[in-house]
Amino acid sequence: MNFWERITGSDITKELKTFESRAKKLPTDYQATWEEINAHLWLHSDFTGRNLMPILDGVLGLLEETAADGQSIQEVFGDDIQGFCLALVGEEGAKSFRDKWREQLNNNIAKKLGNRRIK
């Protein structure tokens, strides 16, 4: 990856297009599950989304393998796809970029107000 691709994010766009073309080859129930997993995982991305690329690649590989083996979605994931996604991104309650920014903003405001007494 060169500097320009990294700055513009075109490397991520290429990877996402590759993921989508791979997902279109899956059976329809697997495609729906891919969309659901994709939606859950993006809530836990950093600002660029680069932290999710290996995770998304692994999940798509899992879906491809289980589809090739003829397993159903229920056998693979059960009923808790959101729990599966939380386990992928780390522990439950992993911070998204919004959570990090909110915490940073709250800390900055607390520092500003810390010098004055609120009456």
PDB file of N, CA and C in Angstrom:
ATOM      1  N   MET A   1       0.854  -1.158   0.000  1.00  0.00           N
ATOM      2  CA  MET A   1       0.000   0.000   0.000  1.00  0.00           C
ATOM      3  C   MET A   1       0.908   1.231   0.000  1.00  0.00           C
ATOM      4  N   ASN A   2       0.632   2.132  -0.932  1.00  0.00           N
ATOM      5  CA  ASN A   2       1.444   3.332  -0.974  1.00  0.00           C
ATOM      6  C   ASN A   2       0.799   4.456  -0.162  1.00  0.00           C
ATOM      7  N   PHE A   3       1.519   5.541  -0.054  1.00  0.00           N
ATOM      8  CA  PHE A   3       1.093   6.663   0.776  1.00  0.00           C
ATOM      9  C   PHE A   3      -0.252   7.224   0.314  1.00  0.00           C
ATOM     10  N   TRP A   4      -0.407   7.408  -0.985  1.00  0.00           N
ATOM     11  CA  TRP A   4      -1.639   8.010  -1.515  1.00  0.00           C
ATOM     12  C   TRP A   4      -2.855   7.135  -1.215  1.00  0.00           C
ATOM     13  N   GLU A   5      -2.713   5.827  -1.377  1.00  0.00           N
ATOM     14  CA  GLU A   5      -3.823   4.924  -1.071  1.00  0.00           C
ATOM     15  C   GLU A   5      -4.189   4.988   0.398  1.00  0.00           C
ATOM     16  N   ARG A   6      -3.198   5.088   1.244  1.00  0.00           N
ATOM     17  CA  ARG A   6      -3.452   5.143   2.680  1.00  0.00           C
ATOM     18  C   ARG A   6      -4.158   6.437   3.072  1.00  0.00           C
ATOM     19  N   ILE A   7      -3.749   7.540   2.475  1.00  0.00           N
ATOM     20  CA  ILE A   7      -4.350   8.838   2.796  1.00  0.00           C
ATOM     21  C   ILE A   7      -5.788   8.914   2.293  1.00  0.00           C
ATOM     22  N   THR A   8      -6.028   8.474   1.073  1.00  0.00           N
ATOM     23  CA  THR A   8      -7.365   8.588   0.489  1.00  0.00           C
ATOM     24  C   THR A   8      -8.311   7.478   0.929  1.00  0.00           C
ATOM     25  N   GLY A   9      -7.767   6.377   1.434  1.00  0.00           N
ATOM     26  CA  GLY A   9      -8.613   5.258   1.849  1.00  0.00           C
ATOM     27  C   GLY A   9      -9.007   4.350   0.704  1.00  0.00           C
ATOM     28  N   SER A  10      -8.382   4.528  -0.460  1.00  0.00           N
ATOM     29  CA  SER A  10      -8.748   3.688  -1.608  1.00  0.00           C
ATOM     30  C   SER A  10      -8.374   2.226  -1.391  1.00  0.00           C
ATOM     31  N   ASP A  11      -7.398   1.972  -0.531  1.00  0.00           N
ATOM     32  CA  ASP A  11      -7.045   0.585  -0.229  1.00  0.00           C
ATOM     33  C   ASP A  11      -8.195  -0.128   0.474  1.00  0.00           C
ATOM     34  N   ILE A  12      -8.863   0.581   1.366  1.00  0.00           N
ATOM     35  CA  ILE A  12     -10.000  -0.006   2.079  1.00  0.00           C
ATOM     36  C   ILE A  12     -11.168  -0.204   1.124  1.00  0.00           C
ATOM     37  N   THR A  13     -11.384   0.758   0.238  1.00  0.00           N
ATOM     38  CA  THR A  13     -12.460   0.647  -0.746  1.00  0.00           C
ATOM     39  C   THR A  13     -12.254  -0.576  -1.625  1.00  0.00           C
ATOM     40  N   LYS A  14     -11.013  -0.823  -2.053  1.00  0.00           N
ATOM     41  CA  LYS A  14     -10.715  -2.006  -2.870  1.00  0.00           C
ATOM     42  C   LYS A  14     -10.999  -3.289  -2.088  1.00  0.00           C
ATOM     43  N   GLU A  15     -10.577  -3.324  -0.827  1.00  0.00           N
ATOM     44  CA  GLU A  15     -10.816  -4.517  -0.014  1.00  0.00           C
ATOM     45  C   GLU A  15     -12.305  -4.763   0.186  1.00  0.00           C
ATOM     46  N   LEU A  16     -13.067  -3.688   0.450  1.00  0.00           N
ATOM     47  CA  LEU A  16     -14.506  -3.837   0.660  1.00  0.00           C
ATOM     48  C   LEU A  16     -15.202  -4.341  -0.599  1.00  0.00           C
ATOM     49  N   LYS A  17     -14.772  -3.860  -1.761  1.00  0.00           N
ATOM     50  CA  LYS A  17     -15.349  -4.349  -3.017  1.00  0.00           C
ATOM     51  C   LYS A  17     -15.038  -5.827  -3.209  1.00  0.00           C
ATOM     52  N   THR A  18     -13.836  -6.233  -2.832  1.00  0.00           N
ATOM     53  CA  THR A  18     -13.468  -7.645  -2.912  1.00  0.00           C
ATOM     54  C   THR A  18     -14.334  -8.476  -1.972  1.00  0.00           C
ATOM     55  N   PHE A  19     -14.546  -7.973  -0.758  1.00  0.00           N
ATOM     56  CA  PHE A  19     -15.400  -8.675   0.204  1.00  0.00           C
ATOM     57  C   PHE A  19     -16.819  -8.822  -0.337  1.00  0.00           C
ATOM     58  N   GLU A  20     -17.339  -7.747  -0.926  1.00  0.00           N
ATOM     59  CA  GLU A  20     -18.709  -7.789  -1.435  1.00  0.00           C
ATOM     60  C   GLU A  20     -18.835  -8.762  -2.611  1.00  0.00           C
ATOM     61  N   SER A  21     -17.831  -8.821  -3.468  1.00  0.00           N
ATOM     62  CA  SER A  21     -17.901  -9.780  -4.582  1.00  0.00           C
ATOM     63  C   SER A  21     -17.824 -11.214  -4.065  1.00  0.00           C
ATOM     64  N   ARG A  22     -17.038 -11.442  -3.023  1.00  0.00           N
ATOM     65  CA  ARG A  22     -16.984 -12.777  -2.411  1.00  0.00           C
ATOM     66  C   ARG A  22     -18.311 -13.119  -1.753  1.00  0.00           C
ATOM     67  N   ALA A  23     -18.927 -12.128  -1.090  1.00  0.00           N
ATOM     68  CA  ALA A  23     -20.194 -12.371  -0.379  1.00  0.00           C
ATOM     69  C   ALA A  23     -21.331 -12.668  -1.350  1.00  0.00           C
ATOM     70  N   LYS A  24     -21.286 -12.085  -2.543  1.00  0.00           N
ATOM     71  CA  LYS A  24     -22.352 -12.330  -3.518  1.00  0.00           C
ATOM     72  C   LYS A  24     -22.357 -13.767  -4.024  1.00  0.00           C
ATOM     73  N   LYS A  25     -21.260 -14.461  -3.857  1.00  0.00           N
ATOM     74  CA  LYS A  25     -21.171 -15.863  -4.281  1.00  0.00           C
ATOM     75  C   LYS A  25     -21.762 -16.816  -3.246  1.00  0.00           C
ATOM     76  N   LEU A  26     -22.066 -16.307  -2.051  1.00  0.00           N
ATOM     77  CA  LEU A  26     -22.625 -17.132  -0.980  1.00  0.00           C
ATOM     78  C   LEU A  26     -24.123 -17.345  -1.188  1.00  0.00           C
ATOM     79  N   PRO A  27     -24.702 -18.381  -0.569  1.00  0.00           N
ATOM     80  CA  PRO A  27     -26.158 -18.558  -0.593  1.00  0.00           C
ATOM     81  C   PRO A  27     -26.856 -17.361   0.058  1.00  0.00           C
ATOM     82  N   THR A  28     -28.122 -17.183  -0.246  1.00  0.00           N
ATOM     83  CA  THR A  28     -28.840 -15.983   0.196  1.00  0.00           C
ATOM     84  C   THR A  28     -28.900 -15.844   1.716  1.00  0.00           C
ATOM     85  N   ASP A  29     -29.098 -16.936   2.453  1.00  0.00           N
ATOM     86  CA  ASP A  29     -29.144 -16.824   3.907  1.00  0.00           C
ATOM     87  C   ASP A  29     -27.782 -16.421   4.468  1.00  0.00           C
ATOM     88  N   TYR A  30     -26.717 -16.874   3.837  1.00  0.00           N
ATOM     89  CA  TYR A  30     -25.368 -16.471   4.244  1.00  0.00           C
ATOM     90  C   TYR A  30     -25.119 -15.005   3.914  1.00  0.00           C
ATOM     91  N   GLN A  31     -25.646 -14.545   2.782  1.00  0.00           N
ATOM     92  CA  GLN A  31     -25.503 -13.131   2.420  1.00  0.00           C
ATOM     93  C   GLN A  31     -26.201 -12.238   3.429  1.00  0.00           C
ATOM     94  N   ALA A  32     -27.382 -12.636   3.858  1.00  0.00           N
ATOM     95  CA  ALA A  32     -28.117 -11.852   4.856  1.00  0.00           C
ATOM     96  C   ALA A  32     -27.351 -11.816   6.180  1.00  0.00           C
ATOM     97  N   THR A  33     -26.767 -12.935   6.557  1.00  0.00           N
ATOM     98  CA  THR A  33     -25.971 -12.988   7.785  1.00  0.00           C
ATOM     99  C   THR A  33     -24.727 -12.126   7.651  1.00  0.00           C
ATOM    100  N   TRP A  34     -24.097 -12.141   6.480  1.00  0.00           N
ATOM    101  CA  TRP A  34     -22.922 -11.293   6.231  1.00  0.00           C
ATOM    102  C   TRP A  34     -23.286  -9.822   6.417  1.00  0.00           C
ATOM    103  N   GLU A  35     -24.425  -9.417   5.874  1.00  0.00           N
ATOM    104  CA  GLU A  35     -24.859  -8.025   6.011  1.00  0.00           C
ATOM    105  C   GLU A  35     -25.085  -7.664   7.478  1.00  0.00           C
ATOM    106  N   GLU A  36     -25.691  -8.568   8.227  1.00  0.00           N
ATOM    107  CA  GLU A  36     -25.954  -8.321   9.641  1.00  0.00           C
ATOM    108  C   GLU A  36     -24.646  -8.232  10.433  1.00  0.00           C
ATOM    109  N   ILE A  37     -23.730  -9.154  10.180  1.00  0.00           N
ATOM    110  CA  ILE A  37     -22.436  -9.135  10.862  1.00  0.00           C
ATOM    111  C   ILE A  37     -21.679  -7.873  10.500  1.00  0.00           C
ATOM    112  N   ASN A  38     -21.695  -7.518   9.231  1.00  0.00           N
ATOM    113  CA  ASN A  38     -21.025  -6.318   8.756  1.00  0.00           C
ATOM    114  C   ASN A  38     -21.554  -5.078   9.487  1.00  0.00           C
ATOM    115  N   ALA A  39     -22.868  -4.988   9.627  1.00  0.00           N
ATOM    116  CA  ALA A  39     -23.472  -3.843  10.307  1.00  0.00           C
ATOM    117  C   ALA A  39     -23.066  -3.790  11.781  1.00  0.00           C
ATOM    118  N   HIS A  40     -23.027  -4.932  12.441  1.00  0.00           N
ATOM    119  CA  HIS A  40     -22.649  -4.963  13.858  1.00  0.00           C
ATOM    120  C   HIS A  40     -21.177  -4.616  14.066  1.00  0.00           C
ATOM    121  N   LEU A  41     -20.318  -5.090  13.170  1.00  0.00           N
ATOM    122  CA  LEU A  41     -18.887  -4.875  13.356  1.00  0.00           C
ATOM    123  C   LEU A  41     -18.465  -3.429  13.105  1.00  0.00           C
ATOM    124  N   TRP A  42     -19.104  -2.757  12.168  1.00  0.00           N
ATOM    125  CA  TRP A  42     -18.689  -1.386  11.860  1.00  0.00           C
ATOM    126  C   TRP A  42     -18.931  -0.433  13.022  1.00  0.00           C
ATOM    127  N   LEU A  43     -19.759  -0.804  13.945  1.00  0.00           N
ATOM    128  CA  LEU A  43     -19.954   0.030  15.133  1.00  0.00           C
ATOM    129  C   LEU A  43     -18.707   0.082  16.002  1.00  0.00           C
ATOM    130  N   HIS A  44     -17.802  -0.878  15.816  1.00  0.00           N
ATOM    131  CA  HIS A  44     -16.600  -0.982  16.641  1.00  0.00           C
ATOM    132  C   HIS A  44     -15.330  -0.641  15.875  1.00  0.00           C
ATOM    133  N   SER A  45     -15.475   0.084  14.777  1.00  0.00           N
ATOM    134  CA  SER A  45     -14.286   0.407  13.993  1.00  0.00           C
ATOM    135  C   SER A  45     -13.590   1.634  14.568  1.00  0.00           C
ATOM    136  N   ASP A  46     -12.330   1.759  14.206  1.00  0.00           N
ATOM    137  CA  ASP A  46     -11.649   3.000  14.533  1.00  0.00           C
ATOM    138  C   ASP A  46     -12.044   4.020  13.466  1.00  0.00           C
ATOM    139  N   PHE A  47     -11.392   5.142  13.436  1.00  0.00           N
ATOM    140  CA  PHE A  47     -11.779   6.213  12.516  1.00  0.00           C
ATOM    141  C   PHE A  47     -11.690   5.778  11.061  1.00  0.00           C
ATOM    142  N   THR A  48     -10.683   5.003  10.702  1.00  0.00           N
ATOM    143  CA  THR A  48     -10.476   4.622   9.307  1.00  0.00           C
ATOM    144  C   THR A  48     -11.158   3.319   8.938  1.00  0.00           C
ATOM    145  N   GLY A  49     -11.348   2.425   9.880  1.00  0.00           N
ATOM    146  CA  GLY A  49     -11.921   1.128   9.599  1.00  0.00           C
ATOM    147  C   GLY A  49     -10.882   0.065   9.298  1.00  0.00           C
ATOM    148  N   ARG A  50      -9.616   0.452   9.319  1.00  0.00           N
ATOM    149  CA  ARG A  50      -8.556  -0.508   9.015  1.00  0.00           C
ATOM    150  C   ARG A  50      -8.469  -1.625  10.051  1.00  0.00           C
ATOM    151  N   ASN A  51      -8.891  -1.347  11.264  1.00  0.00           N
ATOM    152  CA  ASN A  51      -8.824  -2.381  12.296  1.00  0.00           C
ATOM    153  C   ASN A  51      -9.795  -3.528  12.022  1.00  0.00           C
ATOM    154  N   LEU A  52     -10.815  -3.288  11.204  1.00  0.00           N
ATOM    155  CA  LEU A  52     -11.809  -4.322  10.933  1.00  0.00           C
ATOM    156  C   LEU A  52     -11.486  -5.186   9.716  1.00  0.00           C
ATOM    157  N   MET A  53     -10.568  -4.767   8.881  1.00  0.00           N
ATOM    158  CA  MET A  53     -10.301  -5.509   7.643  1.00  0.00           C
ATOM    159  C   MET A  53      -9.895  -6.964   7.898  1.00  0.00           C
ATOM    160  N   PRO A  54      -8.970  -7.253   8.816  1.00  0.00           N
ATOM    161  CA  PRO A  54      -8.655  -8.670   9.064  1.00  0.00           C
ATOM    162  C   PRO A  54      -9.824  -9.445   9.670  1.00  0.00           C
ATOM    163  N   ILE A  55     -10.608  -8.778  10.501  1.00  0.00           N
ATOM    164  CA  ILE A  55     -11.760  -9.436  11.125  1.00  0.00           C
ATOM    165  C   ILE A  55     -12.802  -9.779  10.064  1.00  0.00           C
ATOM    166  N   LEU A  56     -13.108  -8.809   9.187  1.00  0.00           N
ATOM    167  CA  LEU A  56     -14.093  -9.049   8.136  1.00  0.00           C
ATOM    168  C   LEU A  56     -13.626 -10.149   7.184  1.00  0.00           C
ATOM    169  N   ASP A  57     -12.329 -10.167   6.874  1.00  0.00           N
ATOM    170  CA  ASP A  57     -11.791 -11.205   6.008  1.00  0.00           C
ATOM    171  C   ASP A  57     -11.953 -12.581   6.662  1.00  0.00           C
ATOM    172  N   GLY A  58     -11.682 -12.666   7.946  1.00  0.00           N
ATOM    173  CA  GLY A  58     -11.834 -13.930   8.660  1.00  0.00           C
ATOM    174  C   GLY A  58     -13.271 -14.404   8.723  1.00  0.00           C
ATOM    175  N   VAL A  59     -14.186 -13.479   8.966  1.00  0.00           N
ATOM    176  CA  VAL A  59     -15.606 -13.844   9.035  1.00  0.00           C
ATOM    177  C   VAL A  59     -16.089 -14.328   7.675  1.00  0.00           C
ATOM    178  N   LEU A  60     -15.688 -13.615   6.629  1.00  0.00           N
ATOM    179  CA  LEU A  60     -16.103 -14.026   5.292  1.00  0.00           C
ATOM    180  C   LEU A  60     -15.517 -15.388   4.924  1.00  0.00           C
ATOM    181  N   GLY A  61     -14.291 -15.645   5.343  1.00  0.00           N
ATOM    182  CA  GLY A  61     -13.691 -16.959   5.129  1.00  0.00           C
ATOM    183  C   GLY A  61     -14.461 -18.046   5.854  1.00  0.00           C
ATOM    184  N   LEU A  62     -14.877 -17.755   7.084  1.00  0.00           N
ATOM    185  CA  LEU A  62     -15.682 -18.710   7.851  1.00  0.00           C
ATOM    186  C   LEU A  62     -17.000 -18.995   7.141  1.00  0.00           C
ATOM    187  N   LEU A  63     -17.652 -17.941   6.650  1.00  0.00           N
ATOM    188  CA  LEU A  63     -18.910 -18.129   5.932  1.00  0.00           C
ATOM    189  C   LEU A  63     -18.713 -18.954   4.666  1.00  0.00           C
ATOM    190  N   GLU A  64     -17.631 -18.695   3.943  1.00  0.00           N
ATOM    191  CA  GLU A  64     -17.364 -19.451   2.722  1.00  0.00           C
ATOM    192  C   GLU A  64     -17.118 -20.925   3.023  1.00  0.00           C
ATOM    193  N   GLU A  65     -16.347 -21.199   4.061  1.00  0.00           N
ATOM    194  CA  GLU A  65     -16.050 -22.591   4.416  1.00  0.00           C
ATOM    195  C   GLU A  65     -17.292 -23.347   4.869  1.00  0.00           C
ATOM    196  N   THR A  66     -18.086 -22.712   5.719  1.00  0.00           N
ATOM    197  CA  THR A  66     -19.273 -23.400   6.225  1.00  0.00           C
ATOM    198  C   THR A  66     -20.324 -23.574   5.135  1.00  0.00           C
ATOM    199  N   ALA A  67     -20.404 -22.627   4.204  1.00  0.00           N
ATOM    200  CA  ALA A  67     -21.329 -22.787   3.074  1.00  0.00           C
ATOM    201  C   ALA A  67     -20.869 -23.938   2.188  1.00  0.00           C
ATOM    202  N   ALA A  68     -19.560 -24.058   1.988  1.00  0.00           N
ATOM    203  CA  ALA A  68     -19.032 -25.155   1.178  1.00  0.00           C
ATOM    204  C   ALA A  68     -19.265 -26.506   1.850  1.00  0.00           C
ATOM    205  N   ASP A  69     -19.260 -26.526   3.187  1.00  0.00           N
ATOM    206  CA  ASP A  69     -19.511 -27.764   3.925  1.00  0.00           C
ATOM    207  C   ASP A  69     -20.988 -28.112   4.004  1.00  0.00           C
ATOM    208  N   GLY A  70     -21.843 -27.175   3.610  1.00  0.00           N
ATOM    209  CA  GLY A  70     -23.281 -27.421   3.621  1.00  0.00           C
ATOM    210  C   GLY A  70     -23.943 -27.207   4.968  1.00  0.00           C
ATOM    211  N   GLN A  71     -23.267 -26.531   5.870  1.00  0.00           N
ATOM    212  CA  GLN A  71     -23.863 -26.261   7.185  1.00  0.00           C
ATOM    213  C   GLN A  71     -24.848 -25.095   7.074  1.00  0.00           C
ATOM    214  N   SER A  72     -25.837 -25.102   7.950  1.00  0.00           N
ATOM    215  CA  SER A  72     -26.792 -23.997   7.971  1.00  0.00           C
ATOM    216  C   SER A  72     -26.255 -22.874   8.859  1.00  0.00           C
ATOM    217  N   ILE A  73     -26.819 -21.713   8.685  1.00  0.00           N
ATOM    218  CA  ILE A  73     -26.425 -20.551   9.489  1.00  0.00           C
ATOM    219  C   ILE A  73     -26.684 -20.812  10.967  1.00  0.00           C
ATOM    220  N   GLN A  74     -27.786 -21.474  11.280  1.00  0.00           N
ATOM    221  CA  GLN A  74     -28.112 -21.780  12.675  1.00  0.00           C
ATOM    222  C   GLN A  74     -27.050 -22.662  13.312  1.00  0.00           C
ATOM    223  N   GLU A  75     -26.511 -23.610  12.561  1.00  0.00           N
ATOM    224  CA  GLU A  75     -25.470 -24.483  13.095  1.00  0.00           C
ATOM    225  C   GLU A  75     -24.187 -23.707  13.390  1.00  0.00           C
ATOM    226  N   VAL A  76     -23.918 -22.721  12.572  1.00  0.00           N
ATOM    227  CA  VAL A  76     -22.662 -21.976  12.705  1.00  0.00           C
ATOM    228  C   VAL A  76     -22.751 -20.909  13.780  1.00  0.00           C
ATOM    229  N   PHE A  77     -23.804 -20.073  13.733  1.00  0.00           N
ATOM    230  CA  PHE A  77     -23.893 -18.913  14.619  1.00  0.00           C
ATOM    231  C   PHE A  77     -24.947 -19.023  15.706  1.00  0.00           C
ATOM    232  N   GLY A  78     -25.922 -19.876  15.533  1.00  0.00           N
ATOM    233  CA  GLY A  78     -27.014 -19.927  16.495  1.00  0.00           C
ATOM    234  C   GLY A  78     -27.906 -18.709  16.342  1.00  0.00           C
ATOM    235  N   ASP A  79     -28.445 -18.243  17.446  1.00  0.00           N
ATOM    236  CA  ASP A  79     -29.357 -17.099  17.398  1.00  0.00           C
ATOM    237  C   ASP A  79     -28.688 -15.779  17.766  1.00  0.00           C
ATOM    238  N   ASP A  80     -27.461 -15.822  18.241  1.00  0.00           N
ATOM    239  CA  ASP A  80     -26.838 -14.623  18.792  1.00  0.00           C
ATOM    240  C   ASP A  80     -25.704 -14.109  17.898  1.00  0.00           C
ATOM    241  N   ILE A  81     -26.069 -13.482  16.809  1.00  0.00           N
ATOM    242  CA  ILE A  81     -25.059 -12.935  15.898  1.00  0.00           C
ATOM    243  C   ILE A  81     -24.394 -11.719  16.531  1.00  0.00           C
ATOM    244  N   GLN A  82     -25.153 -10.924  17.255  1.00  0.00           N
ATOM    245  CA  GLN A  82     -24.569  -9.757  17.916  1.00  0.00           C
ATOM    246  C   GLN A  82     -23.524 -10.183  18.950  1.00  0.00           C
ATOM    247  N   GLY A  83     -23.798 -11.228  19.697  1.00  0.00           N
ATOM    248  CA  GLY A  83     -22.828 -11.747  20.663  1.00  0.00           C
ATOM    249  C   GLY A  83     -21.571 -12.263  19.971  1.00  0.00           C
ATOM    250  N   PHE A  84     -21.745 -12.888  18.824  1.00  0.00           N
ATOM    251  CA  PHE A  84     -20.604 -13.349  18.034  1.00  0.00           C
ATOM    252  C   PHE A  84     -19.739 -12.162  17.622  1.00  0.00           C
ATOM    253  N   CYS A  85     -20.380 -11.090  17.181  1.00  0.00           N
ATOM    254  CA  CYS A  85     -19.648  -9.894  16.751  1.00  0.00           C
ATOM    255  C   CYS A  85     -18.908  -9.254  17.918  1.00  0.00           C
ATOM    256  N   LEU A  86     -19.543  -9.200  19.067  1.00  0.00           N
ATOM    257  CA  LEU A  86     -18.884  -8.633  20.244  1.00  0.00           C
ATOM    258  C   LEU A  86     -17.672  -9.468  20.644  1.00  0.00           C
ATOM    259  N   ALA A  87     -17.785 -10.776  20.506  1.00  0.00           N
ATOM    260  CA  ALA A  87     -16.648 -11.643  20.822  1.00  0.00           C
ATOM    261  C   ALA A  87     -15.506 -11.419  19.826  1.00  0.00           C
ATOM    262  N   LEU A  88     -15.845 -11.112  18.592  1.00  0.00           N
ATOM    263  CA  LEU A  88     -14.815 -10.861  17.586  1.00  0.00           C
ATOM    264  C   LEU A  88     -14.026  -9.584  17.857  1.00  0.00           C
ATOM    265  N   VAL A  89     -14.700  -8.543  18.267  1.00  0.00           N
ATOM    266  CA  VAL A  89     -14.025  -7.255  18.450  1.00  0.00           C
ATOM    267  C   VAL A  89     -13.348  -7.142  19.803  1.00  0.00           C
ATOM    268  N   GLY A  90     -13.433  -8.142  20.585  1.00  0.00           N
ATOM    269  CA  GLY A  90     -12.798  -8.101  21.904  1.00  0.00           C
ATOM    270  C   GLY A  90     -13.821  -8.463  22.947  1.00  0.00           C
ATOM    271  N   GLU A  91     -13.698  -7.839  24.055  1.00  0.00           N
ATOM    272  CA  GLU A  91     -14.639  -8.125  25.124  1.00  0.00           C
ATOM    273  C   GLU A  91     -15.923  -7.349  24.912  1.00  0.00           C
ATOM    274  N   GLU A  92     -16.952  -7.789  25.565  1.00  0.00           N
ATOM    275  CA  GLU A  92     -18.231  -7.106  25.462  1.00  0.00           C
ATOM    276  C   GLU A  92     -18.077  -5.682  25.961  1.00  0.00           C
ATOM    277  N   GLY A  93     -18.652  -4.766  25.229  1.00  0.00           N
ATOM    278  CA  GLY A  93     -18.530  -3.360  25.605  1.00  0.00           C
ATOM    279  C   GLY A  93     -17.280  -2.712  25.032  1.00  0.00           C
ATOM    280  N   ALA A  94     -16.732  -3.265  23.974  1.00  0.00           N
ATOM    281  CA  ALA A  94     -15.565  -2.654  23.342  1.00  0.00           C
ATOM    282  C   ALA A  94     -15.928  -1.256  22.871  1.00  0.00           C
ATOM    283  N   LYS A  95     -14.994  -0.343  23.001  1.00  0.00           N
ATOM    284  CA  LYS A  95     -15.273   1.056  22.684  1.00  0.00           C
ATOM    285  C   LYS A  95     -15.167   1.314  21.189  1.00  0.00           C
ATOM    286  N   SER A  96     -16.149   2.033  20.659  1.00  0.00           N
ATOM    287  CA  SER A  96     -16.095   2.467  19.276  1.00  0.00           C
ATOM    288  C   SER A  96     -15.407   3.826  19.233  1.00  0.00           C
ATOM    289  N   PHE A  97     -15.192   4.340  18.054  1.00  0.00           N
ATOM    290  CA  PHE A  97     -14.556   5.641  17.956  1.00  0.00           C
ATOM    291  C   PHE A  97     -15.432   6.728  18.565  1.00  0.00           C
ATOM    292  N   ARG A  98     -16.747   6.557  18.501  1.00  0.00           N
ATOM    293  CA  ARG A  98     -17.654   7.536  19.125  1.00  0.00           C
ATOM    294  C   ARG A  98     -17.474   7.552  20.636  1.00  0.00           C
ATOM    295  N   ASP A  99     -17.342   6.365  21.228  1.00  0.00           N
ATOM    296  CA  ASP A  99     -17.128   6.281  22.675  1.00  0.00           C
ATOM    297  C   ASP A  99     -15.813   6.939  23.073  1.00  0.00           C
ATOM    298  N   LYS A 100     -14.782   6.719  22.273  1.00  0.00           N
ATOM    299  CA  LYS A 100     -13.473   7.314  22.564  1.00  0.00           C
ATOM    300  C   LYS A 100     -13.537   8.830  22.465  1.00  0.00           C
ATOM    301  N   TRP A 101     -14.206   9.330  21.417  1.00  0.00           N
ATOM    302  CA  TRP A 101     -14.327  10.785  21.259  1.00  0.00           C
ATOM    303  C   TRP A 101     -15.160  11.391  22.380  1.00  0.00           C
ATOM    304  N   ARG A 102     -16.236  10.700  22.779  1.00  0.00           N
ATOM    305  CA  ARG A 102     -17.089  11.199  23.861  1.00  0.00           C
ATOM    306  C   ARG A 102     -16.297  11.277  25.160  1.00  0.00           C
ATOM    307  N   GLU A 103     -15.504  10.246  25.438  1.00  0.00           N
ATOM    308  CA  GLU A 103     -14.689  10.231  26.642  1.00  0.00           C
ATOM    309  C   GLU A 103     -13.643  11.345  26.606  1.00  0.00           C
ATOM    310  N   GLN A 104     -13.030  11.546  25.448  1.00  0.00           N
ATOM    311  CA  GLN A 104     -12.030  12.603  25.310  1.00  0.00           C
ATOM    312  C   GLN A 104     -12.667  13.973  25.518  1.00  0.00           C
ATOM    313  N   LEU A 105     -13.842  14.198  24.950  1.00  0.00           N
ATOM    314  CA  LEU A 105     -14.544  15.461  25.121  1.00  0.00           C
ATOM    315  C   LEU A 105     -14.909  15.687  26.584  1.00  0.00           C
ATOM    316  N   ASN A 106     -15.413  14.662  27.235  1.00  0.00           N
ATOM    317  CA  ASN A 106     -15.760  14.788  28.650  1.00  0.00           C
ATOM    318  C   ASN A 106     -14.535  15.089  29.506  1.00  0.00           C
ATOM    319  N   ASN A 107     -13.413  14.453  29.199  1.00  0.00           N
ATOM    320  CA  ASN A 107     -12.178  14.731  29.948  1.00  0.00           C
ATOM    321  C   ASN A 107     -11.705  16.159  29.734  1.00  0.00           C
ATOM    322  N   ASN A 108     -11.786  16.650  28.500  1.00  0.00           N
ATOM    323  CA  ASN A 108     -11.375  18.024  28.219  1.00  0.00           C
ATOM    324  C   ASN A 108     -12.262  19.035  28.944  1.00  0.00           C
ATOM    325  N   ILE A 109     -13.550  18.787  28.956  1.00  0.00           N
ATOM    326  CA  ILE A 109     -14.474  19.695  29.652  1.00  0.00           C
ATOM    327  C   ILE A 109     -14.227  19.651  31.149  1.00  0.00           C
ATOM    328  N   ALA A 110     -14.002  18.458  31.682  1.00  0.00           N
ATOM    329  CA  ALA A 110     -13.725  18.338  33.118  1.00  0.00           C
ATOM    330  C   ALA A 110     -12.453  19.080  33.492  1.00  0.00           C
ATOM    331  N   LYS A 111     -11.444  19.031  32.640  1.00  0.00           N
ATOM    332  CA  LYS A 111     -10.204  19.771  32.914  1.00  0.00           C
ATOM    333  C   LYS A 111     -10.462  21.265  32.926  1.00  0.00           C
ATOM    334  N   LYS A 112     -11.253  21.738  31.970  1.00  0.00           N
ATOM    335  CA  LYS A 112     -11.564  23.170  31.890  1.00  0.00           C
ATOM    336  C   LYS A 112     -12.367  23.622  33.103  1.00  0.00           C
ATOM    337  N   LEU A 113     -13.309  22.804  33.512  1.00  0.00           N
ATOM    338  CA  LEU A 113     -14.151  23.172  34.650  1.00  0.00           C
ATOM    339  C   LEU A 113     -13.482  22.879  35.988  1.00  0.00           C
ATOM    340  N   GLY A 114     -12.442  22.085  35.963  1.00  0.00           N
ATOM    341  CA  GLY A 114     -11.759  21.694  37.206  1.00  0.00           C
ATOM    342  C   GLY A 114     -11.102  22.858  37.906  1.00  0.00           C
ATOM    343  N   ASN A 115     -10.757  23.882  37.173  1.00  0.00           N
ATOM    344  CA  ASN A 115     -10.099  25.048  37.766  1.00  0.00           C
ATOM    345  C   ASN A 115     -11.088  25.990  38.421  1.00  0.00           C
ATOM    346  N   ARG A 116     -12.343  25.861  38.114  1.00  0.00           N
ATOM    347  CA  ARG A 116     -13.375  26.718  38.701  1.00  0.00           C
ATOM    348  C   ARG A 116     -14.295  25.870  39.572  1.00  0.00           C
ATOM    349  N   ARG A 117     -14.848  26.508  40.538  1.00  0.00           N
ATOM    350  CA  ARG A 117     -15.837  25.813  41.379  1.00  0.00           C
ATOM    351  C   ARG A 117     -17.226  26.092  40.856  1.00  0.00           C
ATOM    352  N   ILE A 118     -17.993  25.039  40.728  1.00  0.00           N
ATOM    353  CA  ILE A 118     -19.381  25.187  40.261  1.00  0.00           C
ATOM    354  C   ILE A 118     -20.263  25.358  41.471  1.00  0.00           C
ATOM    355  N   LYS A 119     -21.040  26.446  41.470  1.00  0.00           N
ATOM    356  CA  LYS A 119     -21.929  26.725  42.610  1.00  0.00           C
ATOM    357  C   LYS A 119     -23.372  26.508  42.241  1.00  0.00           C
TER     358      LYS A 119
END
